[in-house]
Amino acid sequence: MFPNFEERCARNLTCATKEYPMLWEAEDRNMKTCALKLNAFIDTTLDKIYRLGAKRSITLSSFSPEICILLSIKQQGYPVLFINKAGSVPTGDVRASSLQQAIRFAKSWNLAGIVMLSDVFVMCPRLVQYAKRSGLVCGSYGNLNDDPKYAKVQQCIFMVIVDICWLMLECLDSS
């Protein structure tokens, strides 16, 4: 998990949710809810982070509100971010239905912030300021972030997650 990365490199660890879907997803797919397994998964993940990531700057994140809640309750040493696809896919969970709901959820569970699909901020740049005024860390991810013109629209966001790092660095250096 960590040995191949320099200690000075900051890391965002996204806790995967395929085996542990959101509650509404489990219901839609006729899956059993697995709270006990999810709890053990989080305990194991945190144990590895404590043992191997001690001197590293680490942020924890998840698309699952339940995982975010557990991470927030079980530790206070690492910031937790709620990742959200609001507006891009239908959701059965109000917490993942909009930027406003994501902010409300994050604040109610003392999460450090939110990460939204970049389309939201590109289509309506004013939402960047709305998110920042909430007092939470705000980030974005998605294919639009790999296009310099769309990444620049969001440059006042705390974190713009990209796949083509060298291109974005070049773009930001030139502005």
N, C-alpha and C. Protein backbone atom coordinates (compact mmCIF):
# COMPACT_ATOMS: atom_id res chain seq x y z
N MET A 1 0.82 -1.19 0.00
CA MET A 1 0.00 0.00 0.00
C MET A 1 0.87 1.26 0.00
N PHE A 2 1.89 1.34 0.86
CA PHE A 2 2.71 2.53 0.97
C PHE A 2 4.18 2.39 0.63
N PRO A 3 4.79 1.22 0.79
CA PRO A 3 6.25 1.14 0.68
C PRO A 3 6.83 1.69 -0.62
N ASN A 4 6.09 1.68 -1.70
CA ASN A 4 6.62 2.15 -2.98
C ASN A 4 6.52 3.66 -3.18
N PHE A 5 5.95 4.38 -2.23
CA PHE A 5 5.78 5.81 -2.37
C PHE A 5 6.66 6.55 -1.36
N GLU A 6 7.23 7.65 -1.81
CA GLU A 6 8.05 8.46 -0.91
C GLU A 6 7.19 9.01 0.22
N GLU A 7 7.79 9.15 1.38
CA GLU A 7 7.04 9.66 2.53
C GLU A 7 6.56 11.08 2.31
N ARG A 8 7.28 11.86 1.53
CA ARG A 8 6.88 13.26 1.34
C ARG A 8 5.70 13.41 0.38
N CYS A 9 5.32 12.34 -0.31
CA CYS A 9 4.19 12.40 -1.24
C CYS A 9 2.88 12.26 -0.47
N ALA A 10 1.99 13.22 -0.67
CA ALA A 10 0.66 13.14 -0.07
C ALA A 10 -0.16 12.10 -0.82
N ARG A 11 -1.05 11.43 -0.14
CA ARG A 11 -1.85 10.37 -0.76
C ARG A 11 -3.32 10.53 -0.38
N ASN A 12 -4.18 10.31 -1.37
CA ASN A 12 -5.60 10.19 -1.11
C ASN A 12 -5.94 8.72 -1.26
N LEU A 13 -6.46 8.12 -0.21
CA LEU A 13 -6.86 6.71 -0.26
C LEU A 13 -8.37 6.65 -0.35
N THR A 14 -8.85 6.19 -1.49
CA THR A 14 -10.29 6.06 -1.69
C THR A 14 -10.69 4.65 -1.27
N CYS A 15 -11.57 4.58 -0.29
CA CYS A 15 -12.04 3.28 0.19
C CYS A 15 -13.09 2.76 -0.77
N ALA A 16 -12.74 1.66 -1.44
CA ALA A 16 -13.59 1.09 -2.48
C ALA A 16 -14.93 0.62 -1.93
N THR A 17 -15.94 0.67 -2.79
CA THR A 17 -17.29 0.33 -2.33
C THR A 17 -17.98 -0.73 -3.17
N LYS A 18 -17.27 -1.42 -4.06
CA LYS A 18 -17.94 -2.43 -4.88
C LYS A 18 -18.50 -3.56 -4.03
N GLU A 19 -17.72 -4.01 -3.07
CA GLU A 19 -18.20 -5.08 -2.20
C GLU A 19 -19.15 -4.54 -1.13
N TYR A 20 -19.04 -3.24 -0.85
CA TYR A 20 -19.86 -2.61 0.18
C TYR A 20 -20.63 -1.45 -0.43
N PRO A 21 -21.71 -1.74 -1.15
CA PRO A 21 -22.46 -0.68 -1.82
C PRO A 21 -23.22 0.20 -0.83
N MET A 22 -23.69 1.35 -1.32
CA MET A 22 -24.54 2.18 -0.50
C MET A 22 -25.80 1.38 -0.19
N LEU A 23 -26.49 1.73 0.88
CA LEU A 23 -27.65 0.95 1.30
C LEU A 23 -28.71 0.84 0.20
N TRP A 24 -28.97 1.94 -0.51
CA TRP A 24 -29.98 1.89 -1.57
C TRP A 24 -29.52 1.01 -2.73
N GLU A 25 -28.21 0.98 -3.01
CA GLU A 25 -27.69 0.11 -4.07
C GLU A 25 -27.85 -1.36 -3.70
N ALA A 26 -27.60 -1.68 -2.45
CA ALA A 26 -27.76 -3.07 -1.98
C ALA A 26 -29.21 -3.51 -2.13
N GLU A 27 -30.12 -2.62 -1.78
CA GLU A 27 -31.54 -2.93 -1.91
C GLU A 27 -31.93 -3.12 -3.38
N ASP A 28 -31.48 -2.24 -4.25
CA ASP A 28 -31.78 -2.35 -5.69
C ASP A 28 -31.24 -3.63 -6.30
N ARG A 29 -30.11 -4.12 -5.79
CA ARG A 29 -29.45 -5.31 -6.35
C ARG A 29 -29.78 -6.58 -5.58
N ASN A 30 -30.75 -6.47 -4.65
CA ASN A 30 -31.15 -7.60 -3.82
C ASN A 30 -29.96 -8.21 -3.07
N MET A 31 -29.08 -7.35 -2.60
CA MET A 31 -27.92 -7.80 -1.82
C MET A 31 -28.24 -7.64 -0.34
N LYS A 32 -27.61 -8.46 0.46
CA LYS A 32 -27.74 -8.30 1.90
C LYS A 32 -26.88 -7.12 2.33
N THR A 33 -27.36 -6.38 3.32
CA THR A 33 -26.52 -5.32 3.87
C THR A 33 -25.43 -5.99 4.70
N CYS A 34 -24.27 -5.41 4.72
CA CYS A 34 -23.12 -6.08 5.34
C CYS A 34 -22.39 -5.15 6.29
N ALA A 35 -23.12 -4.61 7.26
CA ALA A 35 -22.53 -3.65 8.18
C ALA A 35 -21.37 -4.22 8.99
N LEU A 36 -21.48 -5.46 9.43
CA LEU A 36 -20.40 -6.03 10.23
C LEU A 36 -19.13 -6.20 9.39
N LYS A 37 -19.29 -6.66 8.15
CA LYS A 37 -18.13 -6.81 7.28
C LYS A 37 -17.54 -5.44 6.95
N LEU A 38 -18.39 -4.47 6.75
CA LEU A 38 -17.92 -3.12 6.45
C LEU A 38 -17.12 -2.57 7.62
N ASN A 39 -17.60 -2.80 8.82
CA ASN A 39 -16.89 -2.37 10.03
C ASN A 39 -15.51 -3.02 10.10
N ALA A 40 -15.42 -4.31 9.82
CA ALA A 40 -14.14 -5.02 9.84
C ALA A 40 -13.22 -4.50 8.74
N PHE A 41 -13.78 -4.21 7.56
CA PHE A 41 -13.01 -3.65 6.45
C PHE A 41 -12.37 -2.32 6.85
N ILE A 42 -13.13 -1.46 7.49
CA ILE A 42 -12.62 -0.16 7.93
C ILE A 42 -11.55 -0.35 9.01
N ASP A 43 -11.79 -1.24 9.95
CA ASP A 43 -10.79 -1.51 11.00
C ASP A 43 -9.47 -1.99 10.39
N THR A 44 -9.55 -2.91 9.44
CA THR A 44 -8.35 -3.43 8.78
C THR A 44 -7.63 -2.34 8.00
N THR A 45 -8.40 -1.54 7.28
CA THR A 45 -7.82 -0.43 6.49
C THR A 45 -7.10 0.55 7.41
N LEU A 46 -7.74 0.95 8.48
CA LEU A 46 -7.12 1.91 9.40
C LEU A 46 -5.89 1.32 10.08
N ASP A 47 -5.93 0.05 10.41
CA ASP A 47 -4.77 -0.61 11.01
C ASP A 47 -3.56 -0.53 10.07
N LYS A 48 -3.78 -0.82 8.79
CA LYS A 48 -2.68 -0.74 7.80
C LYS A 48 -2.17 0.69 7.66
N ILE A 49 -3.08 1.63 7.63
CA ILE A 49 -2.67 3.04 7.51
C ILE A 49 -1.83 3.45 8.71
N TYR A 50 -2.25 3.09 9.90
CA TYR A 50 -1.50 3.45 11.11
C TYR A 50 -0.11 2.81 11.10
N ARG A 51 -0.03 1.56 10.65
CA ARG A 51 1.26 0.86 10.65
C ARG A 51 2.19 1.32 9.54
N LEU A 52 1.65 1.55 8.35
CA LEU A 52 2.51 1.81 7.19
C LEU A 52 2.57 3.27 6.75
N GLY A 53 1.61 4.05 7.16
CA GLY A 53 1.55 5.42 6.66
C GLY A 53 1.83 6.49 7.68
N ALA A 54 2.49 6.12 8.75
CA ALA A 54 2.67 6.99 9.91
C ALA A 54 3.15 8.40 9.60
N LYS A 55 4.15 8.56 8.75
CA LYS A 55 4.72 9.90 8.51
C LYS A 55 4.18 10.55 7.25
N ARG A 56 3.23 9.93 6.61
CA ARG A 56 2.73 10.45 5.34
C ARG A 56 1.50 11.34 5.55
N SER A 57 1.33 12.28 4.62
CA SER A 57 0.12 13.09 4.59
C SER A 57 -0.93 12.28 3.82
N ILE A 58 -1.99 11.90 4.52
CA ILE A 58 -2.99 11.01 3.94
C ILE A 58 -4.38 11.63 4.10
N THR A 59 -5.16 11.52 3.04
CA THR A 59 -6.57 11.89 3.07
C THR A 59 -7.35 10.62 2.75
N LEU A 60 -8.44 10.40 3.46
CA LEU A 60 -9.29 9.24 3.22
C LEU A 60 -10.56 9.72 2.53
N SER A 61 -11.06 8.94 1.58
CA SER A 61 -12.27 9.34 0.87
C SER A 61 -13.08 8.13 0.45
N SER A 62 -14.36 8.37 0.17
CA SER A 62 -15.22 7.29 -0.30
C SER A 62 -16.47 7.87 -0.96
N PHE A 63 -17.02 7.09 -1.90
CA PHE A 63 -18.31 7.40 -2.49
C PHE A 63 -19.44 6.97 -1.55
N SER A 64 -19.13 6.12 -0.60
CA SER A 64 -20.13 5.58 0.31
C SER A 64 -20.28 6.45 1.56
N PRO A 65 -21.48 6.98 1.79
CA PRO A 65 -21.68 7.76 3.01
C PRO A 65 -21.41 6.94 4.27
N GLU A 66 -21.77 5.65 4.23
CA GLU A 66 -21.56 4.81 5.41
C GLU A 66 -20.07 4.65 5.73
N ILE A 67 -19.26 4.47 4.69
CA ILE A 67 -17.81 4.37 4.91
C ILE A 67 -17.27 5.68 5.45
N CYS A 68 -17.73 6.80 4.91
CA CYS A 68 -17.28 8.11 5.42
C CYS A 68 -17.63 8.28 6.89
N ILE A 69 -18.84 7.87 7.27
CA ILE A 69 -19.25 7.97 8.67
C ILE A 69 -18.33 7.13 9.55
N LEU A 70 -18.09 5.88 9.16
CA LEU A 70 -17.22 5.02 9.96
C LEU A 70 -15.81 5.58 10.07
N LEU A 71 -15.27 6.07 8.95
CA LEU A 71 -13.92 6.65 8.99
C LEU A 71 -13.86 7.86 9.91
N SER A 72 -14.90 8.66 9.90
CA SER A 72 -14.95 9.85 10.74
C SER A 72 -15.08 9.50 12.22
N ILE A 73 -15.87 8.49 12.53
CA ILE A 73 -16.09 8.09 13.92
C ILE A 73 -14.87 7.37 14.49
N LYS A 74 -14.24 6.52 13.70
CA LYS A 74 -13.18 5.64 14.20
C LYS A 74 -11.80 6.30 14.29
N GLN A 75 -11.63 7.46 13.68
CA GLN A 75 -10.32 8.12 13.75
C GLN A 75 -10.50 9.61 13.49
N GLN A 76 -9.61 10.41 14.04
CA GLN A 76 -9.62 11.85 13.81
C GLN A 76 -8.30 12.35 13.24
N GLY A 77 -7.37 11.45 12.99
CA GLY A 77 -6.04 11.84 12.54
C GLY A 77 -5.93 12.17 11.06
N TYR A 78 -6.85 11.66 10.26
CA TYR A 78 -6.79 11.88 8.81
C TYR A 78 -8.10 12.50 8.34
N PRO A 79 -8.01 13.50 7.46
CA PRO A 79 -9.25 14.10 6.94
C PRO A 79 -10.02 13.09 6.09
N VAL A 80 -11.36 13.17 6.16
CA VAL A 80 -12.24 12.30 5.40
C VAL A 80 -13.06 13.15 4.43
N LEU A 81 -13.07 12.74 3.17
CA LEU A 81 -13.81 13.45 2.12
C LEU A 81 -14.90 12.55 1.54
N PHE A 82 -16.08 13.11 1.33
CA PHE A 82 -17.19 12.40 0.70
C PHE A 82 -17.14 12.69 -0.80
N ILE A 83 -16.95 11.63 -1.60
CA ILE A 83 -16.91 11.78 -3.06
C ILE A 83 -18.33 11.57 -3.59
N ASN A 84 -18.71 12.38 -4.58
CA ASN A 84 -20.09 12.42 -5.00
C ASN A 84 -20.21 12.55 -6.51
N LYS A 85 -21.16 11.85 -7.10
CA LYS A 85 -21.42 11.93 -8.54
C LYS A 85 -22.73 12.66 -8.82
N ALA A 86 -23.15 13.53 -7.92
CA ALA A 86 -24.45 14.19 -8.04
C ALA A 86 -24.67 14.78 -9.43
N GLY A 87 -25.85 14.52 -9.97
CA GLY A 87 -26.21 15.07 -11.26
C GLY A 87 -25.80 14.22 -12.45
N SER A 88 -24.96 13.21 -12.24
CA SER A 88 -24.50 12.42 -13.38
C SER A 88 -25.18 11.05 -13.48
N VAL A 89 -25.59 10.51 -12.37
CA VAL A 89 -26.28 9.22 -12.36
C VAL A 89 -27.42 9.29 -11.35
N PRO A 90 -28.48 8.54 -11.61
CA PRO A 90 -29.58 8.52 -10.63
C PRO A 90 -29.10 7.92 -9.31
N THR A 91 -29.64 8.42 -8.22
CA THR A 91 -29.25 7.90 -6.91
C THR A 91 -30.48 7.72 -6.04
N GLY A 92 -30.44 6.75 -5.19
CA GLY A 92 -31.51 6.51 -4.24
C GLY A 92 -31.16 7.03 -2.86
N ASP A 93 -30.09 7.78 -2.76
CA ASP A 93 -29.61 8.29 -1.48
C ASP A 93 -29.55 9.81 -1.55
N VAL A 94 -30.34 10.47 -0.73
CA VAL A 94 -30.40 11.93 -0.77
C VAL A 94 -29.03 12.58 -0.52
N ARG A 95 -28.18 11.91 0.24
CA ARG A 95 -26.85 12.46 0.55
C ARG A 95 -25.99 12.60 -0.70
N ALA A 96 -26.30 11.80 -1.71
CA ALA A 96 -25.51 11.81 -2.95
C ALA A 96 -26.29 12.44 -4.11
N SER A 97 -27.34 13.20 -3.80
CA SER A 97 -28.21 13.71 -4.85
C SER A 97 -27.86 15.11 -5.36
N SER A 98 -27.10 15.87 -4.57
CA SER A 98 -26.76 17.23 -4.99
C SER A 98 -25.57 17.76 -4.20
N LEU A 99 -25.00 18.84 -4.68
CA LEU A 99 -23.91 19.52 -3.98
C LEU A 99 -24.38 19.96 -2.60
N GLN A 100 -25.55 20.55 -2.54
CA GLN A 100 -26.08 21.03 -1.26
C GLN A 100 -26.25 19.90 -0.25
N GLN A 101 -26.78 18.77 -0.70
CA GLN A 101 -26.97 17.63 0.20
C GLN A 101 -25.62 17.03 0.63
N ALA A 102 -24.66 17.00 -0.29
CA ALA A 102 -23.33 16.49 0.05
C ALA A 102 -22.69 17.36 1.13
N ILE A 103 -22.82 18.67 0.99
CA ILE A 103 -22.29 19.60 1.99
C ILE A 103 -22.98 19.39 3.34
N ARG A 104 -24.29 19.28 3.30
CA ARG A 104 -25.06 19.07 4.54
C ARG A 104 -24.61 17.77 5.24
N PHE A 105 -24.47 16.71 4.45
CA PHE A 105 -24.03 15.43 5.01
C PHE A 105 -22.62 15.55 5.61
N ALA A 106 -21.70 16.12 4.85
CA ALA A 106 -20.31 16.24 5.31
C ALA A 106 -20.23 17.05 6.61
N LYS A 107 -20.97 18.13 6.69
CA LYS A 107 -20.94 18.95 7.91
C LYS A 107 -21.55 18.20 9.10
N SER A 108 -22.63 17.46 8.86
CA SER A 108 -23.30 16.78 9.96
C SER A 108 -22.44 15.66 10.57
N TRP A 109 -21.49 15.11 9.81
CA TRP A 109 -20.63 14.05 10.32
C TRP A 109 -19.18 14.51 10.51
N ASN A 110 -18.96 15.81 10.52
CA ASN A 110 -17.63 16.39 10.74
C ASN A 110 -16.59 15.89 9.75
N LEU A 111 -17.00 15.72 8.50
CA LEU A 111 -16.05 15.35 7.47
C LEU A 111 -15.26 16.59 7.08
N ALA A 112 -14.07 16.40 6.55
CA ALA A 112 -13.24 17.54 6.16
C ALA A 112 -13.76 18.22 4.90
N GLY A 113 -14.43 17.45 4.03
CA GLY A 113 -14.90 18.07 2.81
C GLY A 113 -15.60 17.12 1.85
N ILE A 114 -15.76 17.63 0.64
CA ILE A 114 -16.45 16.90 -0.42
C ILE A 114 -15.62 16.94 -1.70
N VAL A 115 -15.82 15.95 -2.53
CA VAL A 115 -15.21 15.91 -3.86
C VAL A 115 -16.35 15.61 -4.82
N MET A 116 -16.59 16.53 -5.75
CA MET A 116 -17.70 16.39 -6.70
C MET A 116 -17.18 16.08 -8.09
N LEU A 117 -18.03 15.46 -8.90
CA LEU A 117 -17.72 15.27 -10.31
C LEU A 117 -17.55 16.65 -10.92
N SER A 118 -16.49 16.86 -11.67
CA SER A 118 -16.14 18.19 -12.18
C SER A 118 -17.21 18.82 -13.06
N ASP A 119 -18.04 18.02 -13.69
CA ASP A 119 -19.09 18.55 -14.57
C ASP A 119 -19.93 19.61 -13.86
N VAL A 120 -20.22 19.38 -12.58
CA VAL A 120 -21.04 20.31 -11.79
C VAL A 120 -20.40 21.70 -11.77
N PHE A 121 -19.11 21.76 -11.49
CA PHE A 121 -18.43 23.05 -11.37
C PHE A 121 -18.15 23.68 -12.73
N VAL A 122 -17.94 22.86 -13.75
CA VAL A 122 -17.69 23.38 -15.10
C VAL A 122 -18.98 23.97 -15.67
N MET A 123 -20.10 23.29 -15.47
CA MET A 123 -21.38 23.78 -16.00
C MET A 123 -21.86 25.03 -15.27
N CYS A 124 -21.52 25.15 -14.00
CA CYS A 124 -21.96 26.30 -13.21
C CYS A 124 -20.83 26.72 -12.27
N PRO A 125 -19.87 27.51 -12.78
CA PRO A 125 -18.70 27.90 -11.97
C PRO A 125 -19.04 28.60 -10.66
N ARG A 126 -20.22 29.22 -10.56
CA ARG A 126 -20.60 29.87 -9.30
C ARG A 126 -20.71 28.88 -8.15
N LEU A 127 -20.95 27.62 -8.49
CA LEU A 127 -21.05 26.60 -7.43
C LEU A 127 -19.73 26.38 -6.72
N VAL A 128 -18.62 26.72 -7.36
CA VAL A 128 -17.31 26.62 -6.71
C VAL A 128 -17.31 27.50 -5.47
N GLN A 129 -17.77 28.74 -5.62
CA GLN A 129 -17.81 29.67 -4.48
C GLN A 129 -18.80 29.20 -3.41
N TYR A 130 -19.94 28.66 -3.85
CA TYR A 130 -20.92 28.12 -2.90
C TYR A 130 -20.27 27.03 -2.05
N ALA A 131 -19.57 26.13 -2.70
CA ALA A 131 -18.92 25.02 -1.98
C ALA A 131 -17.84 25.55 -1.04
N LYS A 132 -17.06 26.51 -1.49
CA LYS A 132 -15.99 27.05 -0.65
C LYS A 132 -16.56 27.79 0.57
N ARG A 133 -17.67 28.50 0.38
CA ARG A 133 -18.28 29.23 1.50
C ARG A 133 -18.81 28.30 2.59
N SER A 134 -18.99 27.03 2.25
CA SER A 134 -19.50 26.08 3.24
C SER A 134 -18.48 25.83 4.35
N GLY A 135 -17.23 26.20 4.10
CA GLY A 135 -16.18 25.98 5.10
C GLY A 135 -15.53 24.62 5.00
N LEU A 136 -15.94 23.82 4.03
CA LEU A 136 -15.36 22.49 3.84
C LEU A 136 -14.30 22.54 2.75
N VAL A 137 -13.38 21.59 2.79
CA VAL A 137 -12.45 21.39 1.69
C VAL A 137 -13.30 20.96 0.50
N CYS A 138 -12.99 21.51 -0.66
CA CYS A 138 -13.77 21.18 -1.85
C CYS A 138 -12.83 20.73 -2.96
N GLY A 139 -13.18 19.61 -3.59
CA GLY A 139 -12.38 19.10 -4.69
C GLY A 139 -13.26 18.62 -5.82
N SER A 140 -12.62 18.32 -6.95
CA SER A 140 -13.37 17.77 -8.08
C SER A 140 -12.56 16.68 -8.76
N TYR A 141 -13.25 15.79 -9.46
CA TYR A 141 -12.62 14.72 -10.22
C TYR A 141 -13.42 14.53 -11.50
N GLY A 142 -12.83 13.85 -12.46
CA GLY A 142 -13.57 13.50 -13.67
C GLY A 142 -12.80 13.85 -14.93
N ASN A 143 -13.30 13.38 -16.06
CA ASN A 143 -12.63 13.55 -17.34
C ASN A 143 -12.42 15.02 -17.72
N LEU A 144 -13.35 15.89 -17.35
CA LEU A 144 -13.20 17.30 -17.71
C LEU A 144 -11.96 17.94 -17.07
N ASN A 145 -11.49 17.37 -15.97
CA ASN A 145 -10.31 17.93 -15.30
C ASN A 145 -9.04 17.73 -16.10
N ASP A 146 -9.06 16.84 -17.08
CA ASP A 146 -7.88 16.63 -17.91
C ASP A 146 -7.84 17.56 -19.13
N ASP A 147 -8.80 18.45 -19.22
CA ASP A 147 -8.82 19.47 -20.27
C ASP A 147 -8.44 20.79 -19.60
N PRO A 148 -7.32 21.41 -20.01
CA PRO A 148 -6.84 22.62 -19.33
C PRO A 148 -7.88 23.73 -19.19
N LYS A 149 -8.71 23.94 -20.21
CA LYS A 149 -9.68 25.05 -20.10
C LYS A 149 -10.70 24.79 -19.00
N TYR A 150 -11.08 23.52 -18.79
CA TYR A 150 -12.03 23.20 -17.73
C TYR A 150 -11.36 23.16 -16.36
N ALA A 151 -10.13 22.73 -16.32
CA ALA A 151 -9.40 22.72 -15.05
C ALA A 151 -9.20 24.15 -14.55
N LYS A 152 -8.93 25.08 -15.48
CA LYS A 152 -8.72 26.49 -15.08
C LYS A 152 -9.97 27.09 -14.46
N VAL A 153 -11.15 26.71 -14.95
CA VAL A 153 -12.40 27.21 -14.39
C VAL A 153 -12.47 26.90 -12.90
N GLN A 154 -11.87 25.80 -12.51
CA GLN A 154 -11.95 25.32 -11.13
C GLN A 154 -10.71 25.58 -10.31
N GLN A 155 -9.78 26.37 -10.80
CA GLN A 155 -8.48 26.46 -10.13
C GLN A 155 -8.53 27.03 -8.72
N CYS A 156 -9.63 27.64 -8.31
CA CYS A 156 -9.70 28.12 -6.92
C CYS A 156 -10.24 27.04 -5.97
N ILE A 157 -10.54 25.86 -6.50
CA ILE A 157 -10.93 24.73 -5.65
C ILE A 157 -9.66 24.20 -4.98
N PHE A 158 -9.81 23.66 -3.79
CA PHE A 158 -8.68 23.16 -3.04
C PHE A 158 -7.96 22.02 -3.76
N MET A 159 -8.72 21.15 -4.45
CA MET A 159 -8.12 19.97 -5.04
C MET A 159 -8.83 19.65 -6.37
N VAL A 160 -8.07 19.66 -7.46
CA VAL A 160 -8.57 19.24 -8.77
C VAL A 160 -7.82 17.95 -9.11
N ILE A 161 -8.52 16.84 -9.07
CA ILE A 161 -7.90 15.53 -9.30
C ILE A 161 -7.83 15.28 -10.80
N VAL A 162 -6.63 15.00 -11.29
CA VAL A 162 -6.41 14.81 -12.72
C VAL A 162 -5.71 13.49 -12.99
N ASP A 163 -5.82 13.03 -14.23
CA ASP A 163 -5.09 11.83 -14.66
C ASP A 163 -3.81 12.20 -15.40
N ILE A 164 -3.82 13.36 -16.05
CA ILE A 164 -2.66 13.79 -16.85
C ILE A 164 -1.95 14.92 -16.11
N CYS A 165 -1.19 14.55 -15.09
CA CYS A 165 -0.58 15.53 -14.18
C CYS A 165 0.36 16.49 -14.90
N TRP A 166 1.23 16.00 -15.77
CA TRP A 166 2.21 16.87 -16.42
C TRP A 166 1.52 17.95 -17.24
N LEU A 167 0.41 17.64 -17.90
CA LEU A 167 -0.30 18.62 -18.72
C LEU A 167 -0.90 19.71 -17.84
N MET A 168 -1.47 19.32 -16.71
CA MET A 168 -2.10 20.29 -15.82
C MET A 168 -1.04 21.20 -15.17
N LEU A 169 0.09 20.63 -14.79
CA LEU A 169 1.17 21.45 -14.22
C LEU A 169 1.65 22.47 -15.24
N GLU A 170 1.82 22.02 -16.47
CA GLU A 170 2.23 22.91 -17.55
C GLU A 170 1.21 24.03 -17.75
N CYS A 171 -0.04 23.67 -17.76
CA CYS A 171 -1.14 24.62 -17.95
C CYS A 171 -1.17 25.66 -16.83
N LEU A 172 -1.07 25.21 -15.59
CA LEU A 172 -1.14 26.13 -14.47
C LEU A 172 0.12 27.01 -14.38
N ASP A 173 1.27 26.46 -14.74
CA ASP A 173 2.51 27.24 -14.74
C ASP A 173 2.45 28.37 -15.77
N SER A 174 1.75 28.14 -16.88
CA SER A 174 1.71 29.14 -17.94
C SER A 174 0.70 30.24 -17.67
N SER A 175 -0.16 30.06 -16.68
CA SER A 175 -1.17 31.10 -16.40
C SER A 175 -0.77 32.03 -15.28
